Protein backbone atom coordinates (compact mmCIF):
# COMPACT_ATOMS: atom_id res chain seq x y z
CA MET A 1 -64.15 -119.70 -173.56
CA THR A 2 -66.67 -121.05 -171.04
CA ILE A 3 -68.43 -118.46 -168.91
CA SER A 4 -70.15 -119.96 -165.19
CA ARG A 5 -73.23 -118.23 -164.15
CA ARG A 6 -71.35 -117.37 -160.99
CA SER A 7 -69.63 -114.66 -163.07
CA LEU A 8 -72.00 -113.99 -165.50
CA ILE A 9 -73.97 -112.77 -162.52
CA LYS A 10 -71.15 -111.08 -160.76
CA THR A 11 -69.88 -109.16 -163.81
CA GLY A 12 -73.20 -108.41 -165.16
CA LEU A 13 -74.28 -106.86 -161.85
CA ALA A 14 -71.30 -104.91 -161.18
CA ALA A 15 -71.87 -103.36 -164.29
CA GLY A 16 -75.22 -102.73 -163.63
CA THR A 17 -77.17 -104.42 -166.04
CA ALA A 18 -80.89 -105.75 -165.20
CA LEU A 19 -81.57 -107.16 -167.87
CA SER A 20 -81.79 -111.04 -166.37
CA ILE A 21 -84.71 -110.00 -164.73
CA PRO A 22 -87.95 -110.24 -165.57
CA TYR A 23 -89.66 -106.69 -166.64
CA VAL A 24 -92.76 -107.48 -164.49
CA LEU A 25 -90.89 -108.21 -161.62
CA ARG A 26 -88.36 -104.70 -161.91
CA ALA A 27 -92.29 -103.12 -162.26
CA ARG A 28 -93.45 -104.90 -159.32
CA ALA A 29 -90.67 -103.84 -157.34
CA ALA A 30 -90.14 -100.54 -158.28
CA GLY A 31 -93.81 -99.29 -157.51
CA GLY A 32 -93.58 -101.25 -154.17
CA ALA A 33 -94.08 -99.38 -150.99
CA PRO A 34 -90.66 -99.49 -148.59
CA GLN A 35 -92.43 -101.45 -146.05
CA THR A 36 -93.49 -104.14 -148.66
CA VAL A 37 -91.24 -107.36 -148.45
CA HIS A 38 -90.75 -109.83 -151.48
CA MET A 39 -89.71 -113.13 -150.56
CA VAL A 40 -88.66 -115.97 -152.96
CA ARG A 41 -89.41 -119.19 -150.93
CA ASP A 42 -88.57 -122.92 -151.24
CA GLY A 43 -91.30 -124.07 -152.64
CA ASP A 44 -94.61 -123.30 -154.89
CA LEU A 45 -97.52 -122.98 -152.29
CA GLN A 46 -100.26 -124.91 -153.88
CA VAL A 47 -101.97 -126.34 -150.90
CA PHE A 48 -103.33 -123.99 -148.38
CA ASP A 49 -104.64 -125.97 -145.83
CA PRO A 50 -101.89 -126.49 -142.98
CA ILE A 51 -104.12 -129.48 -141.19
CA ILE A 52 -104.33 -131.49 -143.73
CA SER A 53 -101.08 -130.86 -145.23
CA THR A 54 -97.14 -131.95 -144.80
CA TYR A 55 -95.59 -129.34 -146.82
CA GLY A 56 -93.02 -127.25 -145.45
CA ILE A 57 -94.50 -124.23 -148.02
CA THR A 58 -98.04 -124.61 -146.88
CA ALA A 59 -96.94 -125.02 -142.96
CA ASN A 60 -95.09 -121.71 -143.23
CA HIS A 61 -98.63 -119.99 -144.95
CA GLY A 62 -100.36 -121.06 -142.20
CA ALA A 63 -97.66 -119.29 -139.41
CA ALA A 64 -99.02 -116.51 -141.46
CA VAL A 65 -102.50 -116.70 -141.85
CA TYR A 66 -103.60 -118.67 -138.89
CA ASP A 67 -102.52 -119.10 -134.94
CA THR A 68 -101.72 -121.43 -132.66
CA LEU A 69 -102.65 -122.41 -129.46
CA PHE A 70 -98.77 -122.76 -128.22
CA SER A 71 -95.69 -122.16 -129.74
CA LEU A 72 -92.26 -122.91 -129.24
CA ASP A 73 -89.30 -120.83 -128.17
CA SER A 74 -85.98 -120.58 -129.39
CA LYS A 75 -85.22 -123.46 -127.23
CA LEU A 76 -87.57 -125.55 -128.18
CA THR A 77 -89.74 -125.29 -125.49
CA PRO A 78 -93.47 -124.81 -125.74
CA GLN A 79 -94.84 -121.47 -124.64
CA PRO A 80 -98.75 -120.30 -124.62
CA GLN A 81 -100.03 -118.44 -127.41
CA MET A 82 -103.62 -118.27 -128.15
CA VAL A 83 -103.86 -119.98 -124.77
CA GLY A 84 -104.06 -117.39 -121.85
CA ASN A 85 -103.84 -120.18 -119.17
CA TRP A 86 -104.20 -123.71 -118.62
CA GLY A 87 -104.24 -126.08 -115.88
CA LEU A 88 -104.21 -130.17 -115.08
CA SER A 89 -106.11 -131.87 -112.78
CA GLN A 90 -104.34 -134.07 -110.18
CA ASP A 91 -104.75 -137.39 -112.11
CA LYS A 92 -103.31 -135.68 -114.89
CA ARG A 93 -105.97 -136.85 -117.33
CA THR A 94 -107.97 -133.31 -117.49
CA TYR A 95 -106.36 -130.30 -119.64
CA THR A 96 -108.46 -127.65 -119.37
CA PHE A 97 -107.50 -124.28 -121.53
CA ALA A 98 -108.39 -120.74 -121.08
CA LEU A 99 -108.14 -118.29 -124.10
CA ARG A 100 -106.32 -115.11 -123.84
CA ASP A 101 -108.27 -112.10 -124.60
CA GLY A 102 -108.31 -109.80 -128.12
CA LEU A 103 -108.09 -113.05 -130.13
CA SER A 104 -110.40 -112.15 -133.52
CA TRP A 105 -110.83 -113.96 -137.04
CA HIS A 106 -109.80 -111.98 -139.90
CA ASP A 107 -113.60 -111.47 -140.74
CA GLY A 108 -114.14 -109.49 -137.54
CA THR A 109 -115.90 -112.54 -135.34
CA PRO A 110 -114.31 -113.17 -132.32
CA VAL A 111 -111.77 -116.59 -131.85
CA THR A 112 -114.46 -119.13 -129.20
CA ALA A 113 -113.75 -122.45 -127.52
CA GLY A 114 -115.51 -124.03 -130.23
CA ASP A 115 -113.13 -122.78 -132.70
CA CYS A 116 -110.52 -124.57 -131.16
CA VAL A 117 -112.37 -127.66 -130.69
CA ALA A 118 -113.60 -128.29 -134.09
CA SER A 119 -109.84 -127.65 -135.03
CA ILE A 120 -108.24 -130.08 -132.71
CA ARG A 121 -110.90 -132.76 -133.80
CA ARG A 122 -109.74 -132.07 -137.48
CA TRP A 123 -106.17 -132.25 -136.64
CA THR A 124 -106.41 -135.41 -134.67
CA GLU A 125 -107.28 -137.32 -138.31
CA THR A 126 -104.06 -136.02 -140.00
CA ALA A 127 -101.42 -135.59 -137.79
CA SER A 128 -99.36 -138.42 -136.00
CA GLY A 129 -98.87 -136.88 -132.69
CA GLY A 130 -103.10 -135.81 -132.80
CA GLN A 131 -104.12 -139.61 -133.71
CA LEU A 132 -102.54 -140.41 -130.28
CA ILE A 133 -104.66 -137.79 -128.84
CA LYS A 134 -107.47 -138.78 -130.16
CA ALA A 135 -106.52 -142.53 -129.15
CA LEU A 136 -106.51 -141.57 -125.39
CA ALA A 137 -108.91 -138.60 -125.53
CA THR A 138 -112.53 -139.00 -123.76
CA ASP A 139 -113.71 -135.92 -124.33
CA ILE A 140 -112.23 -132.66 -126.44
CA SER A 141 -115.60 -129.83 -125.52
CA LYS A 142 -115.86 -126.48 -124.87
CA LYS A 143 -116.71 -125.18 -121.22
CA ASP A 144 -117.74 -121.54 -122.55
CA ASP A 145 -116.99 -119.61 -125.05
CA LYS A 146 -113.41 -118.66 -123.64
CA THR A 147 -112.52 -122.41 -122.62
CA PHE A 148 -112.01 -125.98 -123.35
CA LYS A 149 -111.01 -129.06 -122.14
CA ILE A 150 -109.29 -132.30 -123.51
CA VAL A 151 -109.91 -135.11 -121.02
CA LEU A 152 -107.63 -138.56 -121.46
CA LYS A 153 -107.86 -142.13 -120.60
CA GLU A 154 -104.66 -141.99 -119.17
CA PRO A 155 -101.93 -139.24 -118.27
CA LEU A 156 -100.13 -138.03 -121.67
CA GLY A 157 -97.16 -136.26 -120.29
CA LEU A 158 -96.11 -134.89 -123.74
CA LEU A 159 -99.63 -133.49 -124.69
CA ILE A 160 -98.29 -129.86 -124.47
CA ASP A 161 -95.23 -130.83 -126.79
CA ILE A 162 -97.67 -132.23 -129.34
CA LEU A 163 -99.90 -129.64 -129.51
CA ALA A 164 -96.84 -126.74 -130.14
CA THR A 165 -94.99 -129.02 -133.25
CA VAL A 166 -93.72 -127.40 -135.86
CA SER A 167 -93.76 -130.96 -137.75
CA PRO A 168 -96.88 -130.42 -140.19
CA PRO A 169 -99.24 -131.15 -140.09
CA SER A 170 -98.99 -128.41 -137.31
CA LEU A 171 -102.12 -127.14 -135.10
CA TYR A 172 -102.97 -124.35 -136.91
CA ILE A 173 -106.53 -122.93 -135.44
CA MET A 174 -109.32 -121.83 -138.01
CA ARG A 175 -113.14 -120.97 -137.60
CA GLU A 176 -115.45 -123.63 -136.67
CA LYS A 177 -117.29 -123.96 -139.76
CA ASP A 178 -114.03 -124.32 -141.92
CA ALA A 179 -112.65 -126.62 -139.18
CA ASN A 180 -115.80 -129.08 -139.84
CA THR A 181 -114.89 -129.41 -143.30
CA PRO A 182 -113.71 -133.43 -143.15
CA PRO A 183 -110.21 -133.83 -143.29
CA THR A 184 -110.53 -135.25 -146.81
CA GLU A 185 -111.35 -132.06 -148.40
CA GLN A 186 -108.92 -128.60 -148.40
CA VAL A 187 -110.05 -125.20 -146.55
CA THR A 188 -109.28 -122.78 -148.92
CA ALA A 189 -110.95 -119.55 -147.25
CA ASN A 190 -107.39 -118.72 -145.69
CA ILE A 191 -109.41 -116.99 -143.39
CA GLY A 192 -107.19 -117.13 -140.08
CA SER A 193 -106.65 -114.98 -136.93
CA GLY A 194 -102.90 -114.80 -137.20
CA PRO A 195 -100.96 -111.34 -138.47
CA PHE A 196 -101.26 -111.68 -142.04
CA LYS A 197 -104.07 -111.80 -143.79
CA PHE A 198 -104.20 -113.20 -146.91
CA ASN A 199 -104.38 -111.06 -149.93
CA GLN A 200 -106.90 -112.50 -152.30
CA ASP A 201 -107.77 -110.13 -155.14
CA LEU A 202 -103.80 -110.49 -155.35
CA ALA A 203 -103.21 -113.71 -155.46
CA ARG A 204 -101.42 -114.55 -158.57
CA PRO A 205 -101.02 -118.97 -158.54
CA GLY A 206 -97.62 -119.61 -159.86
CA SER A 207 -96.39 -115.93 -159.89
CA SER A 208 -96.93 -114.41 -156.52
CA PHE A 209 -99.07 -114.63 -153.12
CA THR A 210 -99.45 -111.67 -151.05
CA TYR A 211 -100.00 -111.36 -147.02
CA ASP A 212 -100.96 -107.84 -145.28
CA ARG A 213 -100.43 -106.78 -141.94
CA ASN A 214 -103.40 -107.59 -139.64
CA GLU A 215 -104.21 -104.60 -138.30
CA LYS A 216 -106.26 -106.16 -135.72
CA TYR A 217 -103.94 -108.40 -134.27
CA LEU A 218 -103.47 -108.46 -130.60
CA PRO A 219 -99.92 -109.78 -130.07
CA ARG A 220 -98.65 -111.24 -126.77
CA SER A 221 -96.94 -108.65 -124.43
CA GLU A 222 -93.58 -110.78 -124.07
CA PRO A 223 -90.85 -110.10 -126.48
CA ALA A 224 -90.74 -112.43 -129.80
CA ASP A 225 -88.35 -115.64 -128.78
CA GLY A 226 -88.51 -118.17 -131.93
CA LEU A 227 -92.17 -118.50 -132.41
CA ALA A 228 -93.07 -117.72 -129.32
CA GLY A 229 -94.07 -114.38 -127.47
CA GLY A 230 -95.38 -111.05 -129.19
CA LYS A 231 -95.85 -111.50 -132.87
CA VAL A 232 -95.42 -108.09 -133.60
CA VAL A 233 -95.53 -107.35 -137.42
CA LYS A 234 -93.64 -104.20 -138.56
CA VAL A 235 -93.92 -104.38 -142.28
CA GLU A 236 -97.23 -103.79 -144.18
CA ARG A 237 -97.02 -106.11 -146.88
CA VAL A 238 -95.19 -109.41 -147.40
CA VAL A 239 -94.97 -110.82 -151.35
CA TRP A 240 -93.99 -114.51 -151.86
CA ASP A 241 -92.56 -113.90 -155.63
CA ASN A 242 -92.30 -117.55 -157.34
CA ILE A 243 -89.01 -117.42 -159.56
CA ALA A 244 -88.23 -120.58 -160.32
CA ASP A 245 -85.00 -119.57 -161.61
CA GLN A 246 -82.39 -119.21 -159.63
CA GLN A 247 -80.20 -117.28 -161.76
CA THR A 248 -82.77 -114.45 -162.13
CA ALA A 249 -84.14 -114.72 -158.39
CA ILE A 250 -80.07 -113.85 -157.93
CA ALA A 251 -79.49 -110.91 -159.96
CA ALA A 252 -82.80 -109.54 -158.46
CA LEU A 253 -81.62 -109.66 -154.91
CA GLN A 254 -78.08 -107.98 -155.92
CA ALA A 255 -80.21 -105.33 -157.62
CA GLY A 256 -82.46 -104.64 -154.59
CA GLU A 257 -86.01 -105.60 -156.42
CA ILE A 258 -86.42 -108.60 -153.92
CA ASP A 259 -85.48 -108.78 -150.34
CA PHE A 260 -84.83 -112.09 -149.60
CA ILE A 261 -84.36 -115.72 -150.76
CA GLU A 262 -84.76 -118.94 -148.57
CA SER A 263 -82.55 -121.25 -151.07
CA PRO A 264 -80.04 -119.74 -152.77
CA PRO A 265 -77.72 -122.00 -155.25
CA LEU A 266 -74.74 -122.77 -152.84
CA ASP A 267 -72.74 -122.78 -155.94
CA LEU A 268 -73.05 -118.30 -156.13
CA VAL A 269 -73.25 -117.76 -152.14
CA PRO A 270 -69.34 -116.71 -152.60
CA VAL A 271 -70.74 -114.07 -154.94
CA LEU A 272 -73.79 -113.32 -152.51
CA ALA A 273 -70.67 -112.82 -149.60
CA GLY A 274 -69.11 -110.67 -151.02
CA ASN A 275 -71.84 -108.12 -151.81
CA PRO A 276 -71.81 -105.94 -148.66
CA ASP A 277 -75.72 -104.94 -149.29
CA ILE A 278 -76.33 -109.02 -148.96
CA VAL A 279 -76.52 -110.58 -145.56
CA LEU A 280 -76.20 -114.70 -145.44
CA GLN A 281 -77.91 -116.12 -142.79
CA ILE A 282 -79.06 -119.81 -141.24
CA VAL A 283 -82.58 -119.20 -140.93
CA ASN A 284 -83.39 -123.00 -141.31
CA VAL A 285 -82.14 -124.13 -137.51
CA GLY A 286 -80.65 -127.60 -137.55
CA GLY A 287 -80.45 -128.35 -141.04
CA THR A 288 -82.23 -130.59 -143.64
CA ASP A 289 -82.30 -134.18 -143.56
CA ARG A 290 -83.23 -135.86 -146.96
CA TYR A 291 -84.39 -139.02 -147.66
CA VAL A 292 -86.32 -141.18 -150.04
CA ARG A 293 -89.73 -143.06 -149.20
CA MET A 294 -90.19 -146.85 -151.15
CA ASN A 295 -93.32 -147.85 -151.85
CA PHE A 296 -94.06 -151.13 -149.74
CA LEU A 297 -97.22 -152.13 -152.01
CA GLN A 298 -95.77 -152.59 -155.07
CA LYS A 299 -92.94 -154.74 -156.24
CA PRO A 300 -89.99 -154.65 -156.10
CA PHE A 301 -89.95 -152.58 -152.44
CA ASN A 302 -92.68 -154.81 -150.68
CA ASN A 303 -89.68 -157.03 -150.43
CA VAL A 304 -87.48 -156.23 -147.44
CA LYS A 305 -84.67 -157.27 -149.12
CA ALA A 306 -85.33 -154.92 -152.31
CA ARG A 307 -85.51 -152.11 -149.38
CA GLN A 308 -82.27 -153.46 -147.88
CA ALA A 309 -80.48 -153.32 -151.38
CA LEU A 310 -81.29 -149.62 -151.60
CA LEU A 311 -79.58 -148.81 -147.39
CA TYR A 312 -76.51 -150.27 -148.80
CA LEU A 313 -76.54 -148.53 -152.81
CA ILE A 314 -77.16 -145.15 -151.53
CA ASP A 315 -73.44 -142.89 -151.63
CA GLN A 316 -74.66 -140.31 -149.25
CA GLU A 317 -71.44 -137.51 -149.68
CA ALA A 318 -72.31 -138.46 -153.82
CA VAL A 319 -76.11 -137.68 -153.87
CA MET A 320 -75.59 -134.62 -151.55
CA ARG A 321 -72.79 -133.28 -153.99
CA THR A 322 -75.03 -133.54 -157.03
CA THR A 323 -76.66 -130.33 -155.57
CA TYR A 324 -74.74 -128.77 -152.65
CA PRO A 325 -70.43 -127.96 -151.87
CA PRO A 326 -69.27 -130.16 -149.34
CA GLU A 327 -68.44 -127.62 -146.41
CA TYR A 328 -72.35 -128.16 -146.47
CA ILE A 329 -73.45 -131.50 -146.26
CA ASN A 330 -73.22 -134.45 -143.33
CA THR A 331 -73.74 -138.01 -143.66
CA VAL A 332 -77.21 -139.19 -141.69
CA VAL A 333 -77.17 -142.51 -140.22
CA SER A 334 -79.36 -142.70 -137.05
CA LEU A 335 -83.28 -142.78 -137.88
CA PHE A 336 -83.46 -139.51 -135.35
CA GLY A 337 -81.28 -137.56 -137.51
CA THR A 338 -78.22 -136.03 -136.30
CA LYS A 339 -78.56 -133.64 -133.69
CA THR A 340 -81.51 -134.75 -131.84
CA PRO A 341 -81.58 -135.91 -128.01
CA TYR A 342 -82.20 -139.47 -129.54
CA THR A 343 -79.53 -139.55 -132.16
CA ASN A 344 -77.88 -142.88 -131.78
CA ASP A 345 -75.17 -145.73 -133.38
CA GLU A 346 -77.73 -148.67 -133.00
CA ASN A 347 -77.73 -151.17 -136.31
CA THR A 348 -75.76 -148.62 -138.34
CA GLY A 349 -73.68 -151.13 -139.57
CA TRP A 350 -74.95 -151.07 -143.40
CA TYR A 351 -73.14 -147.37 -143.85
CA LYS A 352 -70.18 -147.64 -145.96
CA LYS A 353 -68.73 -144.31 -147.49
CA GLY A 354 -68.86 -144.96 -150.99
CA GLY A 355 -72.00 -146.77 -150.82
CA ASP A 356 -71.89 -150.74 -151.19
CA PRO A 357 -73.15 -151.73 -154.77
CA GLU A 358 -72.11 -155.40 -154.99
CA LYS A 359 -73.78 -155.78 -151.99
CA ALA A 360 -77.36 -154.03 -152.88
CA LYS A 361 -76.91 -155.88 -156.31
CA GLN A 362 -76.80 -159.15 -154.18
CA LEU A 363 -79.73 -158.06 -152.29
CA PHE A 364 -82.04 -157.13 -155.09
CA GLN A 365 -80.98 -160.86 -156.53
CA GLU A 366 -82.03 -162.57 -153.14
CA ALA A 367 -85.29 -160.14 -153.17
CA GLY A 368 -86.23 -162.20 -156.92
CA TYR A 369 -86.07 -158.84 -158.51
CA ALA A 370 -87.30 -159.83 -162.29
CA GLY A 371 -86.84 -156.72 -164.40
CA GLU A 372 -89.73 -154.88 -162.63
CA LYS A 373 -89.73 -151.28 -163.58
CA VAL A 374 -88.72 -148.70 -160.58
CA VAL A 375 -90.46 -145.26 -161.13
CA ILE A 376 -88.30 -142.37 -159.35
CA LEU A 377 -90.23 -139.01 -158.82
CA GLN A 378 -88.52 -136.54 -160.43
CA ALA A 379 -89.26 -133.10 -159.33
CA THR A 380 -87.84 -130.74 -161.94
CA ASN A 381 -88.38 -127.37 -160.53
CA ARG A 382 -86.35 -128.50 -157.13
CA ALA A 383 -82.33 -128.91 -157.75
CA PHE A 384 -81.75 -131.34 -155.24
CA HIS A 385 -84.87 -133.29 -155.76
CA SER A 386 -84.33 -133.63 -159.49
CA ASN A 387 -80.63 -134.20 -159.65
CA ALA A 388 -81.32 -137.37 -156.47
CA ALA A 389 -83.60 -138.74 -158.97
CA GLN A 390 -80.87 -138.68 -161.25
CA TYR A 391 -78.74 -139.89 -159.32
CA LEU A 392 -81.08 -142.62 -157.98
CA ALA A 393 -81.17 -143.38 -161.25
CA GLY A 394 -77.97 -144.48 -162.44
CA ALA A 395 -76.97 -145.72 -159.24
CA LEU A 396 -79.63 -148.44 -160.00
CA ARG A 397 -79.09 -149.26 -163.33
CA LYS A 398 -75.54 -149.81 -163.02
CA ILE A 399 -76.50 -153.12 -160.85
CA GLY A 400 -78.86 -154.18 -163.35
CA ILE A 401 -82.21 -152.51 -162.19
CA ASN A 402 -84.73 -151.06 -164.76
CA ALA A 403 -84.99 -147.58 -163.39
CA ALA A 404 -87.16 -145.11 -164.84
CA LEU A 405 -87.30 -141.15 -163.70
CA ALA A 406 -91.12 -139.82 -164.43
CA PRO A 407 -90.23 -136.06 -164.61
CA THR A 408 -92.96 -133.38 -163.49
CA GLU A 409 -92.87 -130.65 -161.38
CA TRP A 410 -93.07 -130.34 -157.56
CA GLY A 411 -97.33 -129.93 -158.42
CA GLY A 412 -97.84 -133.21 -160.45
CA ILE A 413 -95.53 -135.10 -157.74
CA THR A 414 -98.07 -134.41 -154.93
CA ALA A 415 -100.93 -135.05 -157.36
CA ARG A 416 -99.17 -138.54 -158.09
CA LEU A 417 -98.39 -139.56 -154.54
CA ASP A 418 -101.92 -140.78 -153.40
CA ASN A 419 -101.64 -143.50 -155.94
CA LYS A 420 -100.89 -146.85 -154.35
CA GLY A 421 -101.16 -148.78 -157.31
CA PRO A 422 -98.60 -150.34 -159.62
CA VAL A 423 -96.19 -148.10 -162.03
CA ASP A 424 -98.27 -149.16 -164.84
CA ASN A 425 -101.41 -147.30 -163.81
CA GLY A 426 -99.70 -144.38 -162.90
CA GLY A 427 -98.42 -145.23 -159.65
CA TRP A 428 -94.33 -145.11 -158.27
CA SER A 429 -91.47 -146.47 -156.66
CA ILE A 430 -89.66 -143.88 -154.70
CA PHE A 431 -90.22 -140.48 -154.05
CA VAL A 432 -87.60 -138.06 -152.59
CA SER A 433 -88.42 -135.76 -149.50
CA GLY A 434 -86.74 -134.28 -146.33
CA ASP A 435 -87.55 -133.04 -142.77
CA THR A 436 -85.51 -130.33 -140.55
CA ASP A 437 -83.10 -132.24 -138.32
CA TYR A 438 -85.29 -131.19 -135.61
CA ALA A 439 -88.49 -132.89 -137.09
CA MET A 440 -85.99 -136.19 -136.76
CA GLY A 441 -86.68 -135.67 -132.85
CA ASP A 442 -90.13 -135.46 -132.90
CA VAL A 443 -91.29 -139.21 -132.77
CA LEU A 444 -94.98 -138.35 -132.45
CA GLY A 445 -95.43 -135.25 -134.29
CA ASN A 446 -93.65 -136.17 -137.56
CA VAL A 447 -95.62 -138.44 -139.65
CA PHE A 448 -91.99 -139.77 -141.09
CA PHE A 449 -92.01 -142.37 -138.01
CA ASN A 450 -95.66 -143.98 -138.58
CA ALA A 451 -95.09 -147.58 -140.02
CA ASN A 452 -98.85 -148.23 -139.53
CA GLY A 453 -99.15 -149.46 -143.07
CA ASP A 454 -101.98 -147.73 -144.48
CA LYS A 455 -102.67 -145.00 -141.56
CA ALA A 456 -98.39 -144.15 -142.29
CA TRP A 457 -96.93 -141.50 -144.61
CA TYR A 458 -96.47 -142.18 -148.17
CA GLY A 459 -94.88 -145.50 -148.98
CA TRP A 460 -97.20 -146.93 -146.16
CA PRO A 461 -94.62 -148.63 -144.10
CA GLN A 462 -95.79 -151.61 -141.90
CA ASN A 463 -93.81 -153.24 -139.10
CA ASP A 464 -96.09 -154.33 -135.93
CA GLU A 465 -93.08 -154.73 -133.71
CA TYR A 466 -91.95 -151.25 -134.40
CA GLU A 467 -95.28 -149.79 -134.07
CA ALA A 468 -95.42 -151.10 -130.80
CA LEU A 469 -92.75 -149.35 -129.72
CA ARG A 470 -93.41 -146.43 -130.80
CA ALA A 471 -96.85 -146.85 -129.04
CA LYS A 472 -94.94 -146.71 -125.84
CA TRP A 473 -93.03 -143.42 -126.45
CA ALA A 474 -96.21 -141.17 -125.15
CA THR A 475 -96.02 -143.49 -122.02
CA VAL A 476 -92.60 -143.22 -120.76
CA THR A 477 -91.50 -140.19 -118.71
CA THR A 478 -88.04 -139.67 -118.70
CA LEU A 479 -85.44 -138.57 -121.22
CA GLU A 480 -83.22 -141.86 -120.57
CA GLU A 481 -86.27 -143.80 -121.12
CA ARG A 482 -87.14 -142.27 -124.41
CA GLN A 483 -83.53 -142.69 -125.41
CA ALA A 484 -83.21 -146.52 -124.43
CA LEU A 485 -86.61 -146.84 -126.79
CA ALA A 486 -85.26 -144.70 -129.41
CA ARG A 487 -81.76 -147.30 -129.96
CA LYS A 488 -84.84 -150.09 -130.00
CA MET A 489 -86.87 -148.47 -132.65
CA GLN A 490 -84.03 -147.90 -134.51
CA ARG A 491 -82.54 -151.82 -134.48
CA ILE A 492 -85.75 -152.55 -136.27
CA TRP A 493 -86.60 -149.99 -138.66
CA TRP A 494 -83.19 -150.84 -139.87
CA ASP A 495 -83.80 -153.91 -140.24
CA PHE A 496 -87.22 -153.39 -142.37
CA VAL A 497 -86.04 -150.34 -143.68
CA GLY A 498 -88.86 -147.71 -143.33
CA SER A 499 -87.25 -144.95 -145.81
CA VAL A 500 -83.21 -144.21 -146.85
CA PHE A 501 -81.44 -141.20 -145.85
CA LEU A 502 -79.47 -139.62 -148.64
CA GLY A 503 -77.42 -137.07 -145.98
CA GLN A 504 -77.93 -134.08 -144.67
CA PHE A 505 -77.49 -130.15 -145.84
CA THR A 506 -77.54 -126.69 -144.07
CA GLU A 507 -77.32 -124.02 -146.18
CA PRO A 508 -77.92 -120.02 -145.41
CA ALA A 509 -80.56 -117.83 -146.76
CA ALA A 510 -79.53 -114.47 -148.31
CA ARG A 511 -81.33 -111.66 -147.48
CA ARG A 512 -80.90 -107.63 -148.02
CA LYS A 513 -79.15 -105.74 -145.39
CA THR A 514 -81.91 -103.51 -145.44
CA LEU A 515 -84.19 -106.74 -144.46
CA THR A 516 -83.56 -107.11 -140.40
CA GLY A 517 -85.29 -109.35 -137.84
CA VAL A 518 -85.75 -112.38 -139.12
CA ILE A 519 -86.36 -115.05 -136.81
CA GLY A 520 -84.10 -118.50 -137.73
CA MET A 521 -86.55 -121.68 -136.31
CA PRO A 522 -86.48 -125.34 -137.69
CA GLY A 523 -89.19 -125.13 -140.67
CA ILE A 524 -90.88 -121.89 -140.26
CA ILE A 525 -89.56 -118.52 -141.55
CA PRO A 526 -92.09 -116.24 -139.52
CA MET A 527 -93.00 -113.11 -141.21
CA TRP A 528 -93.52 -111.29 -137.84
CA ASN A 529 -90.43 -109.04 -136.22
CA MET A 530 -89.30 -108.26 -139.74
CA GLU A 531 -88.38 -104.60 -140.27
CA LYS A 532 -87.27 -103.25 -143.65
CA ALA A 533 -85.36 -99.86 -143.83
């Protein structure tokens, strides 16, 4: 008789069994205060510097420890956060910002305009939208301790939107001495001005990280609204527990040992839905779009025909079903996601339900493929990443491609991605990743959209015609103009194939009924506003 893990968890917990929960977790929870929230996040926090990282887990760390000049509300509209008031000159080239009162660092020193200027300058070296500001700025400087300015060569109507983006790396404000760290090096101090303090003494890399309420944080007076408004912390401590085994995490949630799981396995969602003590909630609003990046610098994907082959090869429904039930998945054919203002159908004739492996095989032949090894990075501790890598390897092998998996935990993936060399020297060919659907409409903030070679994100795509169009995004003034530009960009993108979509999924998080006030936003799950009964 075969027993599914769904049945095992359901029957085991019905009988009151707690044996599947590690003793260390049981002991930790048993001694926890009622105002401590235990969360299992999607990913293992390894990079702590949100200005140099594109990882969602690092962005969430940044949202807890640091603060932002502007934040998006629930309608994705920028609102002042650290900024008290701001103004724009008559020629629309000079922005002046004044900080609100009461801002201080976790070390007790006041936040100054100099901190903001240094943080902005560092961020303009790493972020796509920041690089645009750097190219247009003639001056980024402080006027006094609470006031600073950004002076531009020409108007940039989307500047506030760029400063408020949640597409990592986002603009989190750091102390000036930390922000003066070169963007090639990681800031590890973890001292911000945000609503939570990082508890260094309780940091257990690979096991747990602890965030304590910043008792001196002064929230804005407005009610919480998305990431905007008052960041009122209503619990004393939040612990991120790293529980790699999903069955153990589910058992711990059912038993009340933890309070929240960001990404519960979807085959177990019906079990959770039947538990009156568990609530399912969509917190990653809009869903996540999965894709692969190909290494433009090395064979075979330095040839556009090989990249086009991958576009035709992938059966989006098949790859998404390796991990997600059909009711949670969707196909993605637009460069701009499925629900953004710029989603369109330009140059999408390549899409075919079930894929087109014969066309893919033909294109590899036209590319002159000669048996080169295609190395697919496989993150073994992330279910979809691992399953998708295995799907890709199998699909490629079926059409005669020498595909090889490079299995490692996520930390090994991040260490290898920077290698631009051939696979025989530790390089890579294909990398599985993803973004919120919101981010697929954030052309200036999301590094995914860059196709400027060495300055682009992983895979280093390059197409000058596309880049010339992308450069116009900041200069057009109306939604209709941007929508027309999006169609032109998408036509070229699918010709040179900067990346290939695998599909979209929307999954619920799971929380104990006793945990309320969890705010849903694209990519960021804020820890303020939460209450635990």
